[in-house]
N, C-alpha and C. Protein backbone atom coordinates (compact mmCIF):
# COMPACT_ATOMS: atom_id res chain seq x y z
N MET A 1 -18.53 -34.09 20.75
CA MET A 1 -19.00 -32.82 20.62
C MET A 1 -18.28 -31.93 21.33
N ALA A 2 -17.46 -32.07 22.23
CA ALA A 2 -16.85 -31.20 22.98
C ALA A 2 -15.55 -30.99 21.75
N ARG A 3 -15.27 -32.39 21.32
CA ARG A 3 -13.86 -32.20 20.19
C ARG A 3 -14.27 -31.00 19.28
N THR A 4 -15.62 -31.06 18.87
CA THR A 4 -15.80 -30.02 17.80
C THR A 4 -15.90 -28.59 18.56
N SER A 5 -16.48 -28.65 19.53
CA SER A 5 -16.66 -27.09 20.35
C SER A 5 -14.70 -26.89 20.49
N LEU A 6 -13.77 -27.54 21.12
CA LEU A 6 -12.68 -27.11 21.20
C LEU A 6 -11.82 -27.00 19.79
N LEU A 7 -12.60 -27.72 18.60
CA LEU A 7 -11.83 -27.19 17.57
C LEU A 7 -12.34 -25.66 17.08
N GLY A 8 -13.97 -25.63 17.08
CA GLY A 8 -14.35 -24.57 17.08
C GLY A 8 -13.86 -23.27 17.86
N GLY A 9 -13.35 -23.36 19.28
CA GLY A 9 -12.59 -22.62 20.18
C GLY A 9 -11.40 -22.04 19.43
N LEU A 10 -10.77 -23.21 19.02
CA LEU A 10 -9.35 -23.06 18.38
C LEU A 10 -9.14 -22.39 17.22
N LEU A 11 -10.29 -22.33 16.26
CA LEU A 11 -10.16 -21.41 14.99
C LEU A 11 -10.49 -19.94 15.25
N LEU A 12 -11.38 -20.32 16.24
CA LEU A 12 -11.78 -18.90 16.75
C LEU A 12 -10.69 -17.95 17.16
N LEU A 13 -9.71 -18.52 17.91
CA LEU A 13 -8.71 -18.07 18.49
C LEU A 13 -7.84 -17.40 17.33
N ALA A 14 -7.63 -18.48 16.72
CA ALA A 14 -6.90 -18.22 15.25
C ALA A 14 -7.17 -17.13 14.57
N ALA A 15 -8.50 -16.74 14.22
CA ALA A 15 -8.99 -15.96 13.31
C ALA A 15 -8.73 -14.41 14.23
N LEU A 16 -8.59 -14.57 15.77
CA LEU A 16 -8.57 -13.38 16.43
C LEU A 16 -7.25 -12.85 16.49
N ALA A 17 -6.47 -13.83 16.26
CA ALA A 17 -5.17 -13.39 16.27
C ALA A 17 -4.50 -13.07 15.22
N SER A 18 -4.91 -13.02 13.69
CA SER A 18 -4.87 -12.66 12.63
C SER A 18 -4.74 -11.46 12.34
N PRO A 19 -3.96 -11.30 11.01
CA PRO A 19 -3.74 -9.75 11.33
C PRO A 19 -5.04 -9.04 10.84
N ALA A 20 -5.98 -9.74 9.73
CA ALA A 20 -7.13 -9.15 9.65
C ALA A 20 -8.06 -8.49 10.79
N ALA A 21 -7.55 -9.50 12.02
CA ALA A 21 -8.83 -9.05 13.43
C ALA A 21 -8.05 -7.82 14.28
N GLU A 22 -6.85 -7.76 13.60
CA GLU A 22 -6.09 -6.39 14.35
C GLU A 22 -6.61 -5.09 13.63
N LEU A 23 -7.58 -5.24 12.58
CA LEU A 23 -7.53 -4.16 11.50
C LEU A 23 -9.15 -3.98 12.18
N SER A 24 -9.80 -2.40 12.12
CA SER A 24 -10.75 -2.25 11.62
C SER A 24 -11.26 -1.75 10.20
N LEU A 25 -11.88 -3.05 9.88
CA LEU A 25 -12.23 -2.84 8.41
C LEU A 25 -13.93 -2.53 8.72
N ARG A 26 -14.25 -1.41 7.57
CA ARG A 26 -15.68 -1.26 7.42
C ARG A 26 -16.02 -1.00 5.80
N THR A 27 -17.07 -0.85 5.79
CA THR A 27 -17.85 -0.13 4.69
C THR A 27 -18.00 1.08 4.94
N ALA A 28 -18.31 2.22 3.85
CA ALA A 28 -18.41 3.03 3.66
C ALA A 28 -20.08 3.49 3.16
N HIS A 29 -20.80 2.34 2.35
CA HIS A 29 -22.33 2.06 2.04
C HIS A 29 -22.90 1.13 2.06
N ASP A 30 -22.02 -0.05 2.95
CA ASP A 30 -22.42 -1.69 3.07
C ASP A 30 -23.17 -1.79 1.63
N SER A 31 -22.25 -1.49 0.50
CA SER A 31 -22.78 -2.09 -0.60
C SER A 31 -22.51 -3.45 -0.90
N GLU A 32 -22.93 -4.43 -1.67
CA GLU A 32 -22.10 -5.89 -1.79
C GLU A 32 -20.70 -5.90 -2.48
N ALA A 33 -20.30 -4.77 -3.16
CA ALA A 33 -18.96 -4.78 -3.84
C ALA A 33 -17.90 -4.33 -2.72
N GLU A 34 -18.67 -3.51 -1.91
CA GLU A 34 -17.93 -3.24 -0.51
C GLU A 34 -17.61 -4.27 0.23
N LYS A 35 -18.57 -4.87 1.04
CA LYS A 35 -18.58 -5.91 1.38
C LYS A 35 -17.55 -7.52 0.78
N GLN A 36 -17.55 -7.40 -0.52
CA GLN A 36 -16.92 -8.26 -0.97
C GLN A 36 -15.19 -8.11 -0.91
N THR A 37 -15.19 -6.84 -1.30
CA THR A 37 -13.96 -5.81 -1.12
C THR A 37 -13.17 -5.94 0.64
N VAL A 38 -13.71 -6.04 1.38
CA VAL A 38 -13.59 -6.18 2.84
C VAL A 38 -13.01 -7.61 2.87
N ALA A 39 -14.02 -8.44 2.59
CA ALA A 39 -13.96 -10.06 2.70
C ALA A 39 -12.39 -10.65 2.11
N GLN A 40 -12.11 -9.77 0.70
CA GLN A 40 -11.07 -10.24 -0.21
C GLN A 40 -10.06 -9.31 0.54
N LEU A 41 -9.96 -8.29 1.13
CA LEU A 41 -8.78 -7.80 1.98
C LEU A 41 -8.53 -8.64 3.23
N GLN A 42 -9.50 -9.29 3.82
CA GLN A 42 -9.53 -10.15 4.74
C GLN A 42 -8.17 -11.58 4.29
N ARG A 43 -8.81 -12.01 3.17
CA ARG A 43 -8.58 -13.32 2.84
C ARG A 43 -6.91 -12.90 2.55
N LEU A 44 -6.45 -11.67 2.11
CA LEU A 44 -5.38 -11.43 1.85
C LEU A 44 -4.06 -10.91 2.91
N LEU A 45 -5.12 -10.80 3.97
CA LEU A 45 -4.40 -10.56 5.13
C LEU A 45 -3.68 -11.97 6.00
N GLN A 46 -4.70 -12.77 5.63
CA GLN A 46 -4.65 -14.16 6.20
C GLN A 46 -3.49 -14.93 5.27
N ALA A 47 -3.42 -14.84 3.94
CA ALA A 47 -2.33 -15.27 2.94
C ALA A 47 -1.20 -14.48 3.21
N HIS A 48 -1.03 -13.42 3.34
CA HIS A 48 0.57 -12.61 3.18
C HIS A 48 0.47 -12.02 4.58
N ASP A 49 1.66 -12.08 5.52
CA ASP A 49 2.12 -11.17 6.61
C ASP A 49 2.17 -9.76 6.02
N LEU A 50 1.32 -9.19 6.45
CA LEU A 50 1.57 -7.38 6.20
C LEU A 50 1.91 -6.72 7.34
N SER A 51 1.97 -7.22 8.27
CA SER A 51 2.66 -6.44 9.44
C SER A 51 3.51 -5.72 9.09
N ARG A 52 4.88 -5.98 8.61
CA ARG A 52 5.72 -5.08 7.89
C ARG A 52 5.27 -3.70 7.57
N TRP A 53 4.21 -3.63 6.97
CA TRP A 53 3.69 -2.60 5.69
C TRP A 53 2.16 -2.17 6.45
N THR A 54 2.05 -2.52 7.72
CA THR A 54 0.63 -2.04 8.26
C THR A 54 0.80 -1.14 9.38
N VAL A 55 0.51 0.27 8.97
CA VAL A 55 1.00 1.15 10.46
C VAL A 55 -0.49 1.84 10.74
N THR A 56 -1.41 2.37 10.09
CA THR A 56 -2.75 2.48 10.70
C THR A 56 -3.39 1.48 10.49
N ARG A 57 -4.78 1.01 11.45
CA ARG A 57 -5.39 -0.08 11.55
C ARG A 57 -6.73 0.44 11.01
N ASP A 58 -7.03 1.53 11.01
CA ASP A 58 -8.28 2.06 10.72
C ASP A 58 -8.46 2.20 8.92
N ILE A 59 -9.43 1.35 8.43
CA ILE A 59 -9.48 1.30 7.17
C ILE A 59 -11.00 1.23 6.67
N VAL A 60 -11.43 1.87 5.72
CA VAL A 60 -12.80 2.05 4.99
C VAL A 60 -12.46 1.81 3.47
N VAL A 61 -13.80 1.17 3.04
CA VAL A 61 -13.81 0.49 1.82
C VAL A 61 -14.99 1.28 1.14
N ASP A 62 -14.80 2.12 0.36
CA ASP A 62 -15.49 3.00 -0.21
C ASP A 62 -15.78 3.15 -1.66
N GLN A 63 -16.70 2.58 -2.67
CA GLN A 63 -16.87 2.54 -3.81
C GLN A 63 -16.44 3.63 -4.54
N ASP A 64 -16.97 4.75 -3.93
CA ASP A 64 -17.10 6.33 -4.57
C ASP A 64 -15.74 7.42 -4.47
N GLU A 65 -15.24 6.78 -3.57
CA GLU A 65 -13.81 7.47 -3.40
C GLU A 65 -12.78 6.82 -4.08
N ILE A 66 -11.52 7.60 -4.45
CA ILE A 66 -10.04 6.98 -4.99
C ILE A 66 -9.32 6.87 -3.70
N PRO A 67 -8.87 5.92 -3.89
CA PRO A 67 -7.73 5.52 -2.73
C PRO A 67 -7.23 6.45 -2.12
N HIS A 68 -7.14 6.85 -0.59
CA HIS A 68 -6.26 7.97 -0.12
C HIS A 68 -6.09 7.40 1.11
N SER A 69 -4.75 7.91 1.84
CA SER A 69 -3.95 7.45 3.12
C SER A 69 -4.87 7.93 4.24
N HIS A 70 -5.23 9.55 3.99
CA HIS A 70 -5.45 10.12 5.19
C HIS A 70 -6.87 11.04 4.84
N PRO A 71 -7.51 11.11 5.98
CA PRO A 71 -7.38 11.06 7.32
C PRO A 71 -7.62 9.39 7.97
N VAL A 72 -8.37 8.69 7.00
CA VAL A 72 -8.50 7.57 7.00
C VAL A 72 -8.14 6.43 5.86
N LEU A 73 -7.39 5.55 6.09
CA LEU A 73 -6.75 4.78 4.63
C LEU A 73 -8.50 4.43 3.96
N THR A 74 -8.56 4.65 2.68
CA THR A 74 -9.78 4.43 2.20
C THR A 74 -9.35 3.53 0.57
N LEU A 75 -9.92 2.37 0.66
CA LEU A 75 -9.75 1.54 -0.40
C LEU A 75 -10.76 1.40 -0.96
N HIS A 76 -11.04 1.26 -2.47
CA HIS A 76 -12.50 1.15 -3.08
C HIS A 76 -12.48 -0.29 -4.17
N THR A 77 -13.29 -0.21 -4.46
CA THR A 77 -13.99 -1.62 -4.82
C THR A 77 -13.39 -2.02 -6.33
N ARG A 78 -12.32 -1.34 -7.11
CA ARG A 78 -11.99 -1.30 -8.81
C ARG A 78 -11.11 -2.81 -8.53
N HIS A 79 -10.88 -3.15 -7.70
CA HIS A 79 -9.70 -4.41 -8.09
C HIS A 79 -10.02 -5.44 -7.11
N LEU A 80 -11.77 -5.63 -7.15
CA LEU A 80 -12.01 -6.69 -6.60
C LEU A 80 -12.03 -7.96 -6.95
N ARG A 81 -11.66 -8.22 -8.06
CA ARG A 81 -11.12 -9.52 -9.09
C ARG A 81 -9.72 -9.55 -9.10
N ASP A 82 -9.06 -9.10 -8.66
CA ASP A 82 -7.65 -8.65 -8.73
C ASP A 82 -6.82 -8.58 -7.41
N ASP A 83 -6.33 -9.71 -6.72
CA ASP A 83 -5.67 -9.71 -5.34
C ASP A 83 -4.50 -8.86 -5.41
N GLU A 84 -3.58 -8.95 -6.30
CA GLU A 84 -2.52 -8.52 -6.45
C GLU A 84 -2.75 -6.68 -6.87
N LEU A 85 -3.25 -6.26 -7.18
CA LEU A 85 -3.62 -4.96 -7.27
C LEU A 85 -3.94 -4.18 -6.03
N LEU A 86 -5.13 -4.94 -5.61
CA LEU A 86 -6.03 -4.70 -4.34
C LEU A 86 -4.55 -4.78 -3.13
N LEU A 87 -3.79 -5.56 -2.81
CA LEU A 87 -2.71 -5.63 -2.25
C LEU A 87 -1.65 -4.66 -2.26
N SER A 88 -1.63 -4.52 -3.43
CA SER A 88 -0.81 -3.15 -3.84
C SER A 88 -1.37 -1.73 -3.47
N THR A 89 -2.67 -1.86 -3.37
CA THR A 89 -2.82 -0.50 -2.99
C THR A 89 -3.09 -0.43 -1.68
N TYR A 90 -3.27 -1.61 -1.20
CA TYR A 90 -3.16 -1.10 0.38
C TYR A 90 -1.84 -0.88 1.27
N VAL A 91 -0.81 -1.60 0.21
CA VAL A 91 0.81 -1.32 0.87
C VAL A 91 0.72 0.25 0.59
N HIS A 92 0.64 0.93 -0.63
CA HIS A 92 0.94 2.04 -1.27
C HIS A 92 0.11 3.12 -0.25
N GLU A 93 -0.95 2.96 0.10
CA GLU A 93 -1.58 3.99 1.31
C GLU A 93 -1.15 3.76 2.42
N GLN A 94 -0.62 2.44 2.98
CA GLN A 94 0.07 2.38 4.10
C GLN A 94 1.26 3.05 4.29
N MET A 95 2.07 3.03 3.36
CA MET A 95 3.41 3.77 3.07
C MET A 95 3.13 5.08 3.22
N HIS A 96 2.20 5.79 2.65
CA HIS A 96 2.09 6.84 3.54
C HIS A 96 1.99 7.70 4.64
N TRP A 97 1.06 6.42 5.21
CA TRP A 97 0.98 6.32 6.65
C TRP A 97 2.71 6.42 7.33
N PHE A 98 3.32 5.46 6.97
CA PHE A 98 4.66 5.22 7.18
C PHE A 98 5.44 6.58 7.22
N LEU A 99 5.34 7.11 6.02
CA LEU A 99 6.51 8.27 6.00
C LEU A 99 5.82 9.44 6.71
N ALA A 100 4.39 9.83 7.04
CA ALA A 100 4.05 10.47 8.16
C ALA A 100 4.52 10.19 9.41
N ALA A 101 4.81 9.25 10.08
CA ALA A 101 5.56 8.71 11.00
C ALA A 101 6.92 9.15 10.98
N HIS A 102 7.46 9.40 10.07
CA HIS A 102 9.09 9.67 10.36
C HIS A 102 8.97 10.74 9.28
N PRO A 103 8.83 12.25 9.68
CA PRO A 103 9.05 13.31 9.05
C PRO A 103 10.07 13.85 8.89
N GLU A 104 10.79 13.74 9.87
CA GLU A 104 12.57 14.20 9.49
C GLU A 104 13.34 13.67 8.30
N GLN A 105 13.22 12.04 8.28
CA GLN A 105 13.79 11.28 7.37
C GLN A 105 12.84 11.81 5.99
N THR A 106 11.51 11.77 6.35
CA THR A 106 10.97 11.98 4.99
C THR A 106 11.27 13.12 3.92
N ALA A 107 11.43 14.14 4.88
CA ALA A 107 11.65 15.66 4.49
C ALA A 107 13.02 15.57 3.91
N ALA A 108 13.97 15.06 4.35
CA ALA A 108 15.43 15.07 3.98
C ALA A 108 15.36 13.80 2.67
N ALA A 109 14.64 12.90 2.71
CA ALA A 109 14.67 11.96 1.35
C ALA A 109 14.03 12.98 0.07
N THR A 110 12.85 13.53 0.52
CA THR A 110 12.35 14.22 -0.40
C THR A 110 13.36 15.44 -1.03
N ALA A 111 14.29 15.94 -0.32
CA ALA A 111 14.95 17.06 -0.61
C ALA A 111 15.92 16.30 -1.53
N ALA A 112 16.51 15.32 -0.96
CA ALA A 112 17.45 14.82 -2.03
C ALA A 112 17.02 14.31 -3.24
N LEU A 113 15.42 14.01 -3.44
CA LEU A 113 15.33 13.43 -4.53
C LEU A 113 14.71 14.38 -5.43
N ARG A 114 14.29 15.90 -4.72
CA ARG A 114 14.17 17.00 -5.50
C ARG A 114 15.58 17.49 -6.25
N ARG A 115 16.76 17.32 -5.48
CA ARG A 115 17.78 17.55 -6.30
C ARG A 115 18.45 16.12 -7.60
N LEU A 116 17.79 15.26 -7.50
CA LEU A 116 17.98 14.16 -8.50
C LEU A 116 17.25 14.29 -9.59
N PHE A 117 15.60 14.84 -9.51
CA PHE A 117 14.87 14.68 -10.30
C PHE A 117 14.12 16.16 -10.15
N PRO A 118 15.32 17.48 -10.73
CA PRO A 118 14.64 18.68 -10.43
C PRO A 118 13.33 19.07 -11.36
N LYS A 119 12.90 18.15 -12.08
CA LYS A 119 11.67 18.70 -12.91
C LYS A 119 10.89 17.21 -13.37
N ILE A 120 9.49 17.23 -12.06
CA ILE A 120 8.61 16.14 -12.58
C ILE A 120 7.13 16.72 -12.86
N PRO A 121 6.56 16.02 -13.42
CA PRO A 121 5.21 16.32 -14.33
C PRO A 121 4.40 16.36 -12.95
N VAL A 122 3.62 17.43 -12.85
CA VAL A 122 2.43 17.54 -11.88
C VAL A 122 1.34 17.56 -12.97
N GLY A 123 0.40 16.61 -11.67
CA GLY A 123 -1.25 16.55 -12.34
C GLY A 123 -1.11 14.99 -13.12
N TYR A 124 -2.49 14.53 -12.95
CA TYR A 124 -2.86 13.32 -13.81
C TYR A 124 -2.83 13.41 -14.92
N PRO A 125 -2.32 12.40 -15.74
CA PRO A 125 -2.24 11.12 -15.13
C PRO A 125 -0.35 11.00 -14.72
N ASP A 126 0.25 11.63 -15.19
CA ASP A 126 1.77 11.22 -14.96
C ASP A 126 2.41 11.91 -13.67
N GLY A 127 1.66 12.61 -12.57
CA GLY A 127 2.02 12.72 -11.36
C GLY A 127 0.88 13.13 -10.13
N SER A 128 1.20 13.33 -9.15
CA SER A 128 0.00 14.08 -8.17
C SER A 128 -0.29 15.45 -8.32
N ASP A 129 -1.05 15.85 -7.33
CA ASP A 129 -1.53 17.21 -7.78
C ASP A 129 -0.55 18.47 -7.07
N SER A 130 0.60 18.17 -7.00
CA SER A 130 1.83 18.78 -6.50
C SER A 130 3.11 18.83 -6.78
N ALA A 131 4.22 19.28 -6.83
CA ALA A 131 5.55 18.67 -6.52
C ALA A 131 6.20 18.03 -5.62
N ASP A 132 5.27 18.95 -4.21
CA ASP A 132 5.54 18.14 -3.08
C ASP A 132 5.17 16.59 -3.20
N GLY A 133 4.03 16.46 -3.15
CA GLY A 133 3.27 14.90 -3.70
C GLY A 133 4.05 14.13 -4.43
N ASN A 134 4.63 14.89 -5.60
CA ASN A 134 5.30 14.14 -6.57
C ASN A 134 6.59 13.35 -5.70
N TYR A 135 7.50 14.06 -5.18
CA TYR A 135 8.51 13.70 -4.57
C TYR A 135 8.06 12.69 -3.34
N GLU A 136 7.09 12.84 -2.22
CA GLU A 136 6.57 12.16 -1.56
C GLU A 136 6.26 10.56 -2.11
N HIS A 137 5.22 10.81 -3.19
CA HIS A 137 5.29 9.74 -3.98
C HIS A 137 6.34 8.76 -4.74
N LEU A 138 7.57 9.55 -4.99
CA LEU A 138 8.41 8.53 -5.16
C LEU A 138 9.15 7.68 -3.96
N LEU A 139 9.00 8.07 -3.27
CA LEU A 139 9.11 7.34 -2.01
C LEU A 139 8.33 6.39 -1.70
N VAL A 140 6.87 6.30 -2.08
CA VAL A 140 5.93 5.85 -1.57
C VAL A 140 5.71 4.25 -2.45
N VAL A 141 6.03 5.11 -3.77
CA VAL A 141 6.13 3.66 -5.16
C VAL A 141 7.24 3.15 -5.05
N TYR A 142 8.79 3.41 -4.42
CA TYR A 142 9.69 2.77 -4.22
C TYR A 142 9.32 1.76 -3.39
N LEU A 143 8.63 2.20 -1.92
CA LEU A 143 8.58 1.07 -1.27
C LEU A 143 7.36 0.29 -1.23
N GLU A 144 6.23 0.70 -2.12
CA GLU A 144 5.42 -0.10 -2.76
C GLU A 144 5.84 -1.36 -3.51
N TYR A 145 6.81 -1.06 -4.45
CA TYR A 145 7.81 -2.26 -5.12
C TYR A 145 8.52 -3.11 -4.43
N ARG A 146 9.03 -2.56 -3.55
CA ARG A 146 9.83 -3.25 -2.52
C ARG A 146 8.68 -4.50 -2.05
N ALA A 147 7.63 -3.60 -1.16
CA ALA A 147 6.81 -4.74 -0.35
C ALA A 147 6.08 -5.57 -1.75
N ASP A 148 6.05 -5.03 -3.24
CA ASP A 148 5.29 -6.37 -3.54
C ASP A 148 6.40 -7.22 -4.23
N GLN A 149 7.73 -7.02 -4.48
CA GLN A 149 8.39 -7.98 -4.81
C GLN A 149 8.41 -8.97 -3.73
N ARG A 150 8.77 -8.68 -2.31
CA ARG A 150 8.37 -9.29 -1.05
C ARG A 150 7.68 -10.40 -1.05
N LEU A 151 6.15 -9.73 -1.29
CA LEU A 151 5.02 -10.65 -1.42
C LEU A 151 4.32 -11.24 -2.30
N LEU A 152 4.90 -10.62 -3.63
CA LEU A 152 4.50 -11.53 -4.76
C LEU A 152 5.47 -12.06 -5.59
N GLY A 153 6.75 -11.69 -5.46
CA GLY A 153 8.07 -12.29 -6.48
C GLY A 153 7.99 -11.38 -7.24
N GLU A 154 9.41 -11.03 -8.08
CA GLU A 154 9.77 -10.30 -8.64
C GLU A 154 8.76 -10.13 -10.15
N LEU A 155 8.80 -11.02 -10.68
CA LEU A 155 7.79 -11.01 -11.87
C LEU A 155 6.54 -10.38 -11.64
N LYS A 156 5.29 -10.80 -10.58
CA LYS A 156 4.67 -10.14 -10.45
C LYS A 156 4.57 -9.06 -10.07
N ALA A 157 5.33 -8.65 -9.21
CA ALA A 157 5.79 -7.08 -8.70
C ALA A 157 5.78 -6.35 -9.88
N ARG A 158 6.62 -6.69 -11.12
CA ARG A 158 7.05 -5.88 -12.11
C ARG A 158 5.71 -5.72 -12.82
N GLU A 159 5.09 -6.74 -12.85
CA GLU A 159 3.59 -6.40 -13.73
C GLU A 159 2.68 -5.62 -12.81
N VAL A 160 3.00 -5.84 -11.50
CA VAL A 160 1.60 -4.89 -10.85
C VAL A 160 2.15 -3.03 -11.20
N MET A 161 3.44 -3.08 -11.16
CA MET A 161 4.04 -1.83 -11.10
C MET A 161 3.72 -1.17 -12.59
N GLN A 162 3.69 -1.98 -13.83
CA GLN A 162 3.57 -2.03 -14.81
C GLN A 162 2.26 -1.27 -15.30
N PHE A 163 1.57 -2.50 -14.77
CA PHE A 163 0.07 -1.78 -14.96
C PHE A 163 -0.25 -0.28 -14.04
N TRP A 164 0.45 -0.06 -13.18
CA TRP A 164 0.01 1.59 -12.39
C TRP A 164 0.84 2.15 -13.59
N ALA A 165 2.24 2.04 -13.89
CA ALA A 165 2.60 3.10 -14.55
C ALA A 165 2.10 3.22 -15.81
N ASP A 166 1.10 2.49 -16.45
CA ASP A 166 0.04 2.93 -17.74
C ASP A 166 -1.15 3.15 -16.95
N ASP A 167 -1.31 3.74 -15.44
CA ASP A 167 -2.62 3.63 -15.40
C ASP A 167 -2.82 5.44 -14.49
N HIS A 168 -2.01 5.65 -13.80
CA HIS A 168 -1.97 6.78 -13.09
C HIS A 168 -0.58 6.88 -12.35
N TYR A 169 -0.28 7.97 -11.93
CA TYR A 169 1.13 8.45 -11.58
C TYR A 169 2.38 7.95 -12.12
N ARG A 170 1.74 7.86 -13.75
CA ARG A 170 2.63 6.92 -14.61
C ARG A 170 3.87 7.55 -14.61
N TRP A 171 4.59 8.76 -14.70
CA TRP A 171 5.99 9.01 -14.27
C TRP A 171 6.39 8.61 -13.52
N ILE A 172 5.73 8.67 -11.96
CA ILE A 172 6.78 8.20 -11.23
C ILE A 172 6.59 6.71 -11.12
N TYR A 173 5.61 5.68 -11.17
CA TYR A 173 6.02 4.45 -11.33
C TYR A 173 6.82 4.23 -12.44
N ARG A 174 7.17 4.79 -13.58
CA ARG A 174 8.24 4.52 -14.41
C ARG A 174 9.29 4.66 -13.90
N GLN A 175 9.45 5.88 -13.36
CA GLN A 175 10.71 6.05 -12.89
C GLN A 175 11.36 5.04 -11.95
N VAL A 176 10.60 4.95 -11.19
CA VAL A 176 11.06 3.91 -9.91
C VAL A 176 11.49 2.27 -10.55
N LEU A 177 10.65 2.00 -11.49
CA LEU A 177 11.07 1.04 -12.59
C LEU A 177 12.09 1.30 -13.13
N ARG A 178 12.65 2.35 -13.95
CA ARG A 178 13.44 2.47 -14.25
C ARG A 178 14.98 2.97 -13.74
N GLU A 179 14.78 3.41 -12.41
CA GLU A 179 15.70 3.77 -11.29
C GLU A 179 15.74 3.49 -10.04
N PRO A 180 15.46 1.90 -10.05
CA PRO A 180 15.13 1.87 -8.27
C PRO A 180 16.54 1.81 -7.60
N GLU A 181 17.39 1.41 -8.10
CA GLU A 181 18.74 1.77 -7.47
C GLU A 181 18.80 3.40 -7.18
N LYS A 182 18.90 3.87 -7.71
CA LYS A 182 19.04 5.56 -7.56
C LYS A 182 17.96 5.86 -6.48
N ILE A 183 17.04 5.83 -6.60
CA ILE A 183 15.87 5.90 -5.61
C ILE A 183 16.09 5.08 -4.22
N GLY A 184 15.80 3.89 -4.05
CA GLY A 184 16.43 2.99 -3.19
C GLY A 184 17.66 3.48 -2.45
N ALA A 185 18.65 3.70 -2.94
CA ALA A 185 19.69 4.36 -2.44
C ALA A 185 19.37 6.03 -1.07
N VAL A 186 18.34 6.58 -1.68
CA VAL A 186 18.01 7.62 -0.98
C VAL A 186 17.24 7.41 -0.18
N VAL A 187 16.29 6.22 -0.13
CA VAL A 187 15.65 5.74 0.92
C VAL A 187 16.45 5.00 1.73
N LYS A 188 16.89 4.23 1.63
CA LYS A 188 18.33 3.54 2.79
C LYS A 188 19.09 4.59 3.23
N LYS A 189 19.63 5.62 2.97
CA LYS A 189 20.45 6.52 3.36
C LYS A 189 19.66 7.03 4.40
N ASN A 190 18.23 7.64 4.32
CA ASN A 190 17.39 8.24 5.30
C ASN A 190 16.48 7.25 6.00
N GLY A 191 17.23 6.28 5.91
CA GLY A 191 16.42 4.93 6.99
C GLY A 191 15.02 4.67 6.66
N LEU A 192 14.12 4.69 5.86
CA LEU A 192 12.91 4.83 5.67
C LEU A 192 12.39 3.26 5.13
N ILE A 193 13.40 2.26 5.40
CA ILE A 193 12.58 0.73 5.06
C ILE A 193 12.00 0.38 6.23
N PRO A 194 10.86 -0.18 6.23
CA PRO A 194 9.97 -0.81 7.07
C PRO A 194 10.69 -1.72 8.14
N LYS A 195 10.39 -1.81 9.02
CA LYS A 195 11.34 -2.90 10.23
C LYS A 195 10.59 -4.02 9.96
N ALA A 196 10.78 -5.47 10.05
CA ALA A 196 10.33 -6.72 9.98
C ALA A 196 9.30 -6.58 11.47
């Protein structure tokens, strides 16, 4: 009996020390799909060390919203049956927070990208709703791709990026797939690689 209690206590401590326990995960409507997505994200946080790509700890799952980073990182239930796409979405939104925490470096990097890519399509499905948003998204998507490579491996990361390249921000994802070295040089020069 004491051994069972000790084991239960150790499991509880392990759960509390996990990355998922450090996050405030909640649902917007308490729907079954939202609860399942929270459980899915908790499982992914157990399976992968996402500490390098986690900036904000306040996360809501809202089946009625498009994923976005601010003011609260919001995920949806669209990828309930696809761990890799949910993981990539999580990292994508966290990278917006990472760039917001480094405003000077981000401004310098977006200025450099503006010179490299003077014409970017604005608006869905090829870009975001503004030119400024597109340049920031080139940084976000590059960082998302790097994270996906580390977390999922090169082949799966490329598959995920190709899915996005046919889904939304199409020009941006395709550009990152075509010219990762060019964009990566800007990111590295401006010190925008998340530290382990």
